[in-house]
Protein backbone atom coordinates (compact mmCIF):
# COMPACT_ATOMS: atom_id res chain seq x y z
CA MET A 1 0.14 -0.38 -0.23
CA THR A 2 1.12 3.16 -1.21
CA PHE A 3 1.95 6.26 1.17
CA LYS A 4 -1.11 8.46 -0.25
CA SER A 5 -3.45 5.21 0.24
CA ARG A 6 -2.53 4.91 3.86
CA LEU A 7 -3.18 8.83 4.19
CA THR A 8 -6.62 8.21 2.08
CA LEU A 9 -7.54 5.28 4.32
CA LEU A 10 -6.71 6.88 7.96
CA THR A 11 -8.34 9.98 6.99
CA ALA A 12 -11.38 7.56 6.12
CA ALA A 13 -11.09 5.67 9.25
CA ALA A 14 -10.37 8.38 11.31
CA VAL A 15 -13.71 10.58 10.02
CA ALA A 16 -15.64 7.73 10.40
CA ILE A 17 -15.06 6.77 13.14
CA ALA A 18 -16.32 10.40 13.99
CA ILE A 19 -19.51 9.84 12.14
CA LEU A 20 -19.61 6.80 13.71
CA VAL A 21 -19.66 8.35 17.48
CA ALA A 22 -21.58 11.09 16.56
CA SER A 23 -24.26 8.70 15.13
CA ALA A 24 -24.24 6.34 18.25
CA VAL A 25 -24.63 9.49 20.17
CA ILE A 26 -27.70 10.53 18.28
CA PHE A 27 -29.52 8.02 18.27
CA TYR A 28 -29.02 6.73 21.72
CA SER A 29 -29.94 10.49 22.95
CA THR A 30 -32.70 10.09 20.81
CA ARG A 31 -33.37 7.32 22.30
CA ASN A 32 -33.55 7.99 25.53
CA GLN A 33 -35.74 11.27 24.63
CA LEU A 34 -38.06 9.60 22.95
CA ARG A 35 -38.88 7.01 25.85
CA ALA A 36 -38.60 10.23 28.85
CA GLU A 37 -41.46 11.73 26.23
CA LEU A 38 -43.45 8.38 26.35
CA ASP A 39 -43.40 8.09 29.86
CA LYS A 40 -44.25 11.23 30.80
CA SER A 41 -47.12 10.66 28.33
CA LEU A 42 -48.21 7.47 30.61
CA ARG A 43 -47.97 9.56 33.73
CA ARG A 44 -50.49 12.20 32.28
CA SER A 45 -52.84 9.25 31.40
CA ALA A 46 -52.40 8.35 34.67
CA VAL A 47 -53.03 11.07 36.59
CA PRO A 48 -57.22 11.25 35.80
CA LEU A 49 -57.33 7.56 37.15
CA LEU A 50 -55.28 8.02 40.08
CA VAL A 51 -57.70 11.39 41.16
CA ALA A 52 -60.90 8.74 40.60
CA GLU A 53 -60.84 8.37 44.28
CA PRO A 54 -61.10 4.46 43.78
CA GLN A 55 -62.20 2.43 46.48
CA ALA A 56 -59.36 -0.14 47.96
CA GLY A 57 -59.83 -3.45 46.72
CA ILE A 58 -61.42 -5.11 43.62
CA VAL A 59 -64.46 -3.55 43.40
CA GLY A 60 -63.87 0.17 43.69
CA PRO A 61 -61.86 -0.01 40.26
CA ARG A 62 -65.04 -1.24 38.31
CA ARG A 63 -66.62 1.98 39.31
CA LEU A 64 -63.07 3.73 37.38
CA PHE A 65 -63.58 1.42 34.67
CA ALA A 66 -67.08 2.45 34.52
CA GLU A 67 -66.57 6.07 34.35
CA LEU A 68 -63.80 5.41 31.67
CA GLN A 69 -65.50 3.74 29.62
CA GLY A 70 -67.96 6.12 29.76
CA GLY A 71 -65.87 9.21 28.71
CA SER A 72 -65.63 10.75 31.87
CA LEU A 73 -62.14 10.11 31.71
CA GLU A 74 -59.93 10.07 28.92
CA THR A 75 -56.75 8.29 28.80
CA GLN A 76 -54.37 7.85 24.88
CA SER A 77 -52.75 4.37 27.06
CA ASN A 78 -53.29 1.23 24.55
CA TYR A 79 -53.82 -0.46 27.78
CA VAL A 80 -54.94 0.10 31.92
CA GLN A 81 -55.33 -2.28 34.07
CA ILE A 82 -55.48 -2.56 37.98
CA ILE A 83 -53.51 -5.05 40.51
CA SER A 84 -53.85 -5.82 44.13
CA SER A 85 -51.03 -6.46 46.74
CA THR A 86 -52.61 -10.33 46.47
CA GLY A 87 -51.91 -10.38 42.44
CA GLN A 88 -55.45 -10.07 41.79
CA THR A 89 -55.97 -8.07 38.02
CA THR A 90 -58.73 -5.59 37.36
CA ALA A 91 -59.19 -5.01 33.45
CA PRO A 92 -61.61 -2.64 31.85
CA LEU A 93 -61.94 -4.33 28.60
CA GLY A 94 -61.62 -7.97 30.06
CA GLU A 95 -59.37 -10.46 30.85
CA ALA A 96 -55.81 -8.60 32.31
CA ILE A 97 -53.01 -9.47 29.95
CA LEU A 98 -50.29 -8.13 32.18
CA GLU A 99 -48.85 -10.39 34.66
CA PRO A 100 -48.11 -8.43 38.19
CA SER A 101 -44.15 -9.21 38.83
CA GLU A 102 -42.46 -8.69 42.31
CA SER A 103 -42.02 -4.99 41.22
CA SER A 104 -45.20 -3.88 40.76
CA LEU A 105 -46.63 -5.90 43.82
CA GLN A 106 -44.46 -4.04 45.90
CA VAL A 107 -45.88 -1.09 44.65
CA ALA A 108 -49.63 -1.79 45.69
CA ASN A 109 -48.39 -3.32 49.09
CA GLU A 110 -45.78 -0.08 49.86
CA GLY A 111 -46.83 2.53 47.42
CA GLY A 112 -44.58 4.74 45.16
CA GLU A 113 -44.41 4.64 41.37
CA MET A 114 -41.96 3.18 38.80
CA PHE A 115 -41.46 2.47 35.05
CA THR A 116 -40.56 -0.59 33.34
CA THR A 117 -40.55 -2.50 29.98
CA GLU A 118 -42.53 -5.41 29.42
CA THR A 119 -43.62 -7.84 26.93
CA ILE A 120 -47.74 -7.62 26.36
CA GLY A 121 -48.05 -10.52 23.38
CA ASP A 122 -45.89 -9.58 21.19
CA GLU A 123 -45.53 -6.44 21.09
CA SER A 124 -43.03 -4.38 23.52
CA ALA A 125 -44.77 -1.71 25.65
CA ARG A 126 -43.80 0.85 28.50
CA VAL A 127 -45.71 -0.11 31.54
CA PHE A 128 -45.97 3.04 34.18
CA THR A 129 -47.37 1.31 38.07
CA ALA A 130 -48.19 3.72 40.48
CA ALA A 131 -50.01 3.04 44.28
CA LEU A 132 -53.74 3.46 43.64
CA ALA A 133 -55.09 3.08 47.42
CA PRO A 134 -53.88 0.70 50.33
CA GLY A 135 -52.87 -2.79 48.27
CA VAL A 136 -53.87 -1.13 45.20
CA ALA A 137 -51.41 0.02 41.98
CA ILE A 138 -52.41 1.05 39.16
CA GLN A 139 -50.45 0.16 35.68
CA VAL A 140 -50.94 2.24 32.32
CA ALA A 141 -49.30 0.32 29.23
CA ARG A 142 -48.52 1.91 25.60
CA SER A 143 -46.83 0.00 22.90
CA THR A 144 -43.59 0.98 21.88
CA GLU A 145 -43.92 -0.13 18.60
CA GLU A 146 -44.22 3.89 17.30
CA MET A 147 -41.27 4.89 19.00
CA GLU A 148 -39.61 1.61 17.77
CA ALA A 149 -40.68 2.30 14.00
CA SER A 150 -38.84 6.25 14.99
CA LEU A 151 -35.72 4.98 16.00
CA ARG A 152 -35.51 2.63 12.88
CA ARG A 153 -36.24 5.35 10.30
CA LEU A 154 -33.93 7.07 12.41
CA GLY A 155 -31.10 4.65 12.52
CA LEU A 156 -31.44 3.88 8.55
CA VAL A 157 -31.54 7.93 7.82
CA LEU A 158 -28.19 7.67 10.60
CA LEU A 159 -26.31 4.49 8.59
CA LEU A 160 -27.11 6.34 5.06
CA VAL A 161 -25.49 9.27 6.71
CA SER A 162 -22.65 7.35 7.91
CA GLY A 163 -21.88 5.58 4.45
CA GLY A 164 -22.00 9.18 2.64
CA GLY A 165 -19.86 10.80 5.15
CA VAL A 166 -17.62 7.61 5.08
CA ALA A 167 -17.44 7.64 1.16
CA LEU A 168 -17.47 11.89 1.47
CA ALA A 169 -14.50 11.29 3.68
CA ALA A 170 -12.23 9.14 1.56
CA ALA A 171 -12.97 11.04 -1.50
CA ALA A 172 -11.71 14.47 0.48
CA GLY A 173 -8.82 12.28 1.96
CA ARG A 174 -7.60 11.14 -1.51
CA LEU A 175 -7.03 14.84 -2.13
CA VAL A 176 -5.96 15.77 0.75
CA ALA A 177 -3.13 13.44 0.22
CA ASN A 178 -3.07 14.21 -3.20
CA ASN A 179 -1.82 17.81 -2.40
CA ALA A 180 -0.08 17.45 0.96
CA LEU A 181 2.29 14.80 -0.99
CA VAL A 182 3.25 17.37 -3.98
CA PRO A 183 6.25 18.72 -2.18
CA VAL A 184 6.78 14.62 -1.16
CA ARG A 185 6.66 13.48 -5.05
CA ARG A 186 8.42 16.62 -6.00
CA LEU A 187 11.17 15.08 -3.54
CA THR A 188 11.37 11.79 -4.44
CA ASP A 189 11.57 12.57 -8.43
CA THR A 190 14.65 14.94 -7.18
CA THR A 191 16.35 11.94 -5.45
CA GLU A 192 15.38 9.70 -8.09
CA HIS A 193 17.00 11.97 -10.57
CA VAL A 194 20.34 12.84 -8.27
CA SER A 195 20.64 9.01 -8.23
CA THR A 196 20.25 8.42 -11.54
CA THR A 197 22.18 10.97 -12.97
CA GLY A 198 24.16 11.97 -10.25
CA ASP A 199 23.41 15.86 -10.90
CA LEU A 200 23.71 17.78 -7.91
CA THR A 201 22.62 20.58 -8.89
CA ARG A 202 19.01 19.68 -9.02
CA ARG A 203 16.73 21.43 -6.46
CA ILE A 204 13.25 21.61 -5.24
CA GLU A 205 11.40 24.69 -4.96
CA VAL A 206 10.13 25.92 -1.58
CA SER A 207 6.76 27.56 -1.06
CA GLY A 208 5.33 27.90 2.69
CA THR A 209 6.90 27.58 5.91
CA ASP A 210 5.35 24.56 7.21
CA GLU A 211 7.39 21.28 8.18
CA LEU A 212 6.88 19.68 4.15
CA ALA A 213 8.47 23.28 3.60
CA ARG A 214 11.49 22.63 5.93
CA LEU A 215 12.29 19.31 4.75
CA ALA A 216 12.26 20.84 1.57
CA SER A 217 14.60 23.50 2.25
CA SER A 218 17.24 20.84 4.40
CA PHE A 219 17.34 18.50 0.97
CA ASN A 220 18.17 21.92 -0.81
CA ALA A 221 21.12 22.79 1.55
CA MET A 222 22.02 18.77 2.03
CA MET A 223 22.49 18.88 -1.93
CA GLU A 224 24.35 22.35 -2.46
CA ALA A 225 26.71 20.52 0.50
CA LEU A 226 27.15 17.65 -1.44
CA ASP A 227 27.75 19.66 -4.55
CA GLU A 228 30.25 21.75 -2.75
CA ALA A 229 32.17 18.64 -0.87
CA ARG A 230 32.17 17.12 -4.69
CA GLU A 231 33.40 20.20 -6.07
CA THR A 232 36.30 20.62 -3.44
CA GLN A 233 37.11 16.90 -3.75
CA ARG A 234 37.42 17.66 -7.70
CA GLN A 235 39.34 20.70 -7.23
CA LEU A 236 41.30 18.90 -4.45
CA VAL A 237 42.86 15.66 -7.06
CA ALA A 238 43.01 18.62 -9.53
CA ASP A 239 45.51 20.64 -7.33
CA ALA A 240 47.51 17.65 -6.12
CA SER A 241 47.39 16.13 -9.12
CA HIS A 242 49.64 19.56 -10.27
CA GLU A 243 51.17 19.63 -7.36
CA LEU A 244 52.72 15.91 -7.45
CA ARG A 245 53.85 16.21 -11.38
CA THR A 246 56.35 19.01 -10.72
CA PRO A 247 58.50 17.22 -8.16
CA LEU A 248 57.88 13.58 -9.70
CA THR A 249 59.02 15.12 -13.26
CA SER A 250 61.89 16.38 -11.59
CA LEU A 251 62.93 13.85 -9.90
CA ARG A 252 62.37 11.26 -12.99
CA THR A 253 64.60 13.43 -14.64
CA ASN A 254 67.55 13.36 -12.31
CA ILE A 255 66.98 9.81 -12.22
CA GLU A 256 67.20 9.26 -16.00
CA VAL A 257 70.63 11.82 -15.95
CA LEU A 258 72.30 9.39 -13.26
CA ALA A 259 71.21 6.07 -15.15
CA ALA A 260 72.47 7.71 -18.57
CA ASN A 261 75.62 9.19 -16.86
CA ARG A 262 77.48 6.95 -14.98
CA ASP A 263 80.62 8.85 -15.83
CA LEU A 264 79.34 12.11 -14.09
CA ASP A 265 81.90 13.44 -11.71
CA GLU A 266 82.09 13.48 -8.18
CA ALA A 267 80.24 16.64 -7.72
CA THR A 268 77.60 16.23 -10.00
CA HIS A 269 76.67 13.05 -9.33
CA SER A 270 76.34 14.13 -5.82
CA GLY A 271 74.54 17.29 -6.83
CA LEU A 272 71.85 15.17 -8.53
CA LEU A 273 71.49 12.60 -5.43
CA ASN A 274 70.76 15.11 -3.20
CA ASP A 275 68.40 16.98 -5.89
CA VAL A 276 66.63 13.20 -5.56
CA VAL A 277 66.51 12.87 -1.64
CA GLY A 278 65.20 16.53 -1.64
CA GLN A 279 62.55 15.76 -3.92
CA LEU A 280 61.32 12.55 -2.19
CA SER A 281 61.69 14.24 1.33
CA GLU A 282 59.04 16.94 -0.50
CA LEU A 283 56.97 14.14 -2.00
CA THR A 284 56.58 12.58 1.14
CA ASP A 285 55.75 15.63 3.00
CA LEU A 286 52.93 16.65 0.29
CA VAL A 287 51.37 12.99 0.66
CA GLY A 288 51.38 13.52 4.42
CA ASP A 289 49.69 16.62 4.23
CA LEU A 290 47.47 15.20 1.45
CA VAL A 291 46.51 12.34 3.91
CA GLU A 292 46.00 14.91 6.99
CA LEU A 293 43.76 17.18 4.64
CA ALA A 294 41.84 14.03 3.63
CA ARG A 295 40.87 12.88 7.53
CA GLY A 296 38.22 16.23 7.11
CA THR A 297 37.09 17.45 10.80
CA GLN A 298 35.90 13.87 11.56
CA LYS A 299 36.15 13.43 15.55
CA THR A 300 36.86 9.80 15.65
CA PHE A 301 40.07 9.82 16.85
CA GLU A 302 40.79 9.48 20.55
CA VAL A 303 40.87 12.29 22.58
CA ASP A 304 42.16 12.90 25.86
CA ASP A 305 43.83 16.06 28.10
CA VAL A 306 46.88 17.29 26.29
CA ALA A 307 48.53 19.94 27.99
CA ILE A 308 48.94 22.38 25.08
CA ASP A 309 52.09 23.97 26.65
CA ALA A 310 54.17 21.58 26.98
CA LEU A 311 52.92 20.18 23.38
CA VAL A 312 53.63 23.66 22.13
CA ALA A 313 57.14 23.72 24.42
CA GLY A 314 58.26 20.32 22.65
CA ALA A 315 57.38 21.41 19.24
CA VAL A 316 59.61 24.54 19.19
CA GLN A 317 62.53 22.25 20.42
CA ARG A 318 62.28 20.55 16.85
CA ALA A 319 61.44 23.80 14.91
CA GLN A 320 64.69 24.93 16.51
CA ARG A 321 67.08 21.93 15.21
CA ARG A 322 64.43 22.40 11.24
CA TRP A 323 66.10 26.49 11.76
CA PRO A 324 68.70 26.62 13.17
CA ASP A 325 69.26 30.48 11.95
CA ILE A 326 66.06 31.36 13.50
CA ARG A 327 65.64 32.21 17.41
CA PHE A 328 61.88 31.19 19.08
CA GLU A 329 61.06 33.49 21.62
CA VAL A 330 58.33 31.00 24.29
CA SER A 331 55.91 32.19 26.32
CA LEU A 332 53.75 29.84 27.72
CA GLU A 333 50.97 29.44 30.60
CA PRO A 334 49.72 26.08 31.25
CA PHE A 335 46.59 25.29 29.35
CA LEU A 336 44.41 21.86 28.78
CA VAL A 337 42.40 20.91 25.84
CA ARG A 338 40.53 17.81 25.14
CA GLY A 339 41.96 16.72 21.62
CA THR A 340 44.22 14.47 20.26
CA PRO A 341 47.64 15.23 20.35
CA GLU A 342 49.26 14.32 16.99
CA ARG A 343 46.59 16.53 15.03
CA LEU A 344 47.16 19.54 17.71
CA ASP A 345 51.05 18.81 17.64
CA ARG A 346 50.76 18.31 13.63
CA ALA A 347 48.82 21.98 13.89
CA VAL A 348 51.51 23.80 16.38
CA THR A 349 54.64 22.61 13.86
CA ASN A 350 52.86 23.65 10.47
CA LEU A 351 52.42 27.63 12.42
CA LEU A 352 55.94 27.68 13.82
CA ASP A 353 57.23 26.38 10.82
CA ASN A 354 55.47 28.57 8.68
CA GLY A 355 56.69 31.68 10.65
CA ALA A 356 60.74 30.72 10.56
CA LYS A 357 59.54 30.34 6.54
CA TRP A 358 58.97 33.93 6.34
CA SER A 359 60.98 35.20 9.19
CA LEU A 360 64.67 37.55 7.83
CA ASP A 361 68.04 35.24 8.42
CA ASP A 362 68.70 35.65 12.28
CA GLY A 363 64.96 36.67 12.94
CA VAL A 364 62.75 36.04 15.24
CA VAL A 365 59.78 33.86 15.99
CA GLU A 366 57.55 34.81 19.26
CA VAL A 367 55.48 31.65 20.03
CA THR A 368 52.83 32.80 23.14
CA LEU A 369 50.39 30.67 25.25
CA ARG A 370 47.63 32.80 27.27
CA ASP A 371 44.69 31.94 28.39
CA GLY A 372 44.19 29.11 25.92
CA GLU A 373 45.23 31.57 23.10
CA LEU A 374 47.94 30.55 20.59
CA GLU A 375 49.77 33.46 19.58
CA VAL A 376 52.57 32.50 16.58
CA ARG A 377 53.89 35.98 14.97
CA ASP A 378 57.06 36.17 12.60
CA HIS A 379 58.76 39.66 11.54
CA GLY A 380 58.81 39.22 8.04
CA PRO A 381 56.98 41.07 5.40
CA GLY A 382 53.41 39.81 6.69
CA ILE A 383 50.75 38.89 4.77
CA GLU A 384 49.11 41.31 1.65
CA PRO A 385 45.33 42.51 2.06
CA GLU A 386 44.82 40.04 -0.76
CA ASP A 387 45.86 37.23 0.07
CA LEU A 388 44.54 37.28 3.91
CA PRO A 389 41.05 35.90 3.03
CA HIS A 390 43.03 32.85 1.29
CA VAL A 391 45.62 32.00 3.54
CA PHE A 392 43.49 29.07 4.76
CA ASP A 393 42.83 27.77 1.39
CA ARG A 394 44.13 24.38 0.76
CA PHE A 395 47.36 24.54 -2.39
CA TYR A 396 46.63 28.77 -1.73
CA ARG A 397 50.03 30.09 -2.49
CA SER A 398 50.65 33.95 -2.91
CA ALA A 399 52.79 35.65 -5.23
CA GLU A 400 56.03 35.77 -2.92
CA ALA A 401 55.37 32.03 -1.63
CA ARG A 402 55.49 30.12 -5.26
CA GLY A 403 59.28 30.22 -5.51
CA MET A 404 59.75 29.17 -1.95
CA PRO A 405 59.24 25.31 -0.95
CA GLY A 406 55.97 24.06 0.26
CA SER A 407 52.58 22.58 -1.23
CA GLY A 408 50.44 25.37 -0.02
CA LEU A 409 48.62 22.67 2.65
CA GLY A 410 50.13 23.48 6.15
CA LEU A 411 47.80 26.65 7.29
CA ALA A 412 45.25 24.66 5.99
CA ILE A 413 45.51 21.78 7.76
CA VAL A 414 46.32 24.61 10.65
CA ARG A 415 42.54 25.46 10.32
CA GLN A 416 40.71 22.09 9.67
CA VAL A 417 42.66 20.67 12.75
CA ALA A 418 41.52 23.64 14.54
CA GLU A 419 37.40 23.42 13.64
CA ALA A 420 38.08 19.33 14.61
CA HIS A 421 38.73 20.51 17.70
CA SER A 422 36.17 23.44 18.08
CA ALA A 423 38.94 26.23 18.49
CA THR A 424 39.33 28.75 16.06
CA VAL A 425 42.10 30.30 13.96
CA VAL A 426 42.80 34.04 12.86
CA ALA A 427 45.27 35.22 10.66
CA SER A 428 46.33 38.71 10.53
CA ASN A 429 49.54 41.22 10.10
CA ALA A 430 50.88 42.36 13.61
CA PRO A 431 50.86 46.40 14.10
CA ASP A 432 54.80 46.64 14.01
CA GLY A 433 55.02 44.19 10.63
CA GLY A 434 55.40 40.47 10.49
CA ALA A 435 51.91 37.82 10.42
CA LEU A 436 50.16 36.88 13.16
CA PHE A 437 48.40 33.75 13.58
CA MET A 438 46.41 32.74 16.43
CA ILE A 439 44.11 29.78 17.67
CA ARG A 440 41.74 29.91 20.70
CA PHE A 441 41.19 26.63 22.09
CA PRO A 442 38.74 25.93 24.48
CA ALA A 443 39.31 24.60 27.91
CA SER A 444 38.92 20.87 28.70
CA SER A 445 35.98 20.53 30.07
């Protein structure tokens, strides 16, 4: 069964239940009202008989019946009889046809009145029993056939109305389902189109602000994110291919020269080998950067409380060995960060290498950690204003950096690691020159 059919069925069922409940309420309310009217009619019919002052016993009622037959007293009841506390019955038209019950004998003996439903012959009748005199009660009965016929007609009408209402509800439910599922059909058509063609540019028209409109908006946002992710992936592959091509070509050329010229002098041979080693190192760094970048901002790594001050101190020591001509000035305050030590170390190392690379010979790189804010500042030429918005983009290299070693991935990795640890990274120019990079870490909770 399709969702539209289920929605139609549920709508029709809900309306049908409501109609049936309403019909049942109407039917039983009408039946109770008709019975109440019949009871009132019986009591009104019994009033002239009750005020006729019959004498006690069976003799008095004969005079009452005589007056009744003579027309001095009128009643709309179908049947009247008098009973004594001993069970004797007297009827105006002959033999009594309603046998006294225990409750009616109790009324005759103790007084009071009551309404009961009895069977007289083959018909159901409503009976009013009231005390007439000590030891005597009068019973006024009327057939309920007329009331039952009215109820049968009402039941038939309600049944027809209910059936028509259910049919109308089914038609209305189908109409509602058709209109309500238009956005769902659009969503289905779009997802089928995307799964068939791989076209992530397809969007759903959004109208309104209801739940389905929000679903369509969310779907569009998801498609935009997927499209951007795929485009980023394509760009990453293209840029990585481009970056890998240069060192590979140079590496291949040097190896071919070494292979073709085995009688090279020692200096040339040594220079070519050094170039090969350097290019292999460059390739290794580039592949490592690509692997780190491919991890994205996933948070599936094992995390722990990391003393970021100790981690920065260790990274500075290693950077000092790589950059012996650079002086690192360090000021660190203790601070704990919840994260992955290896990835945090990679981000800090990239910032230190970037600062050292852009520093002048015998330059200074200032490293400060205070209140969870790590600042790495060099005293180089700084960042051009047009480059500032792009320094954390993958493979982005400014005009000045294109002649320097590097892949353009170091700062992109810094931003990625920061985002994975709910931190923020900002690049700016220091007031008195040089570039300033700052990472704001959240405290370990």
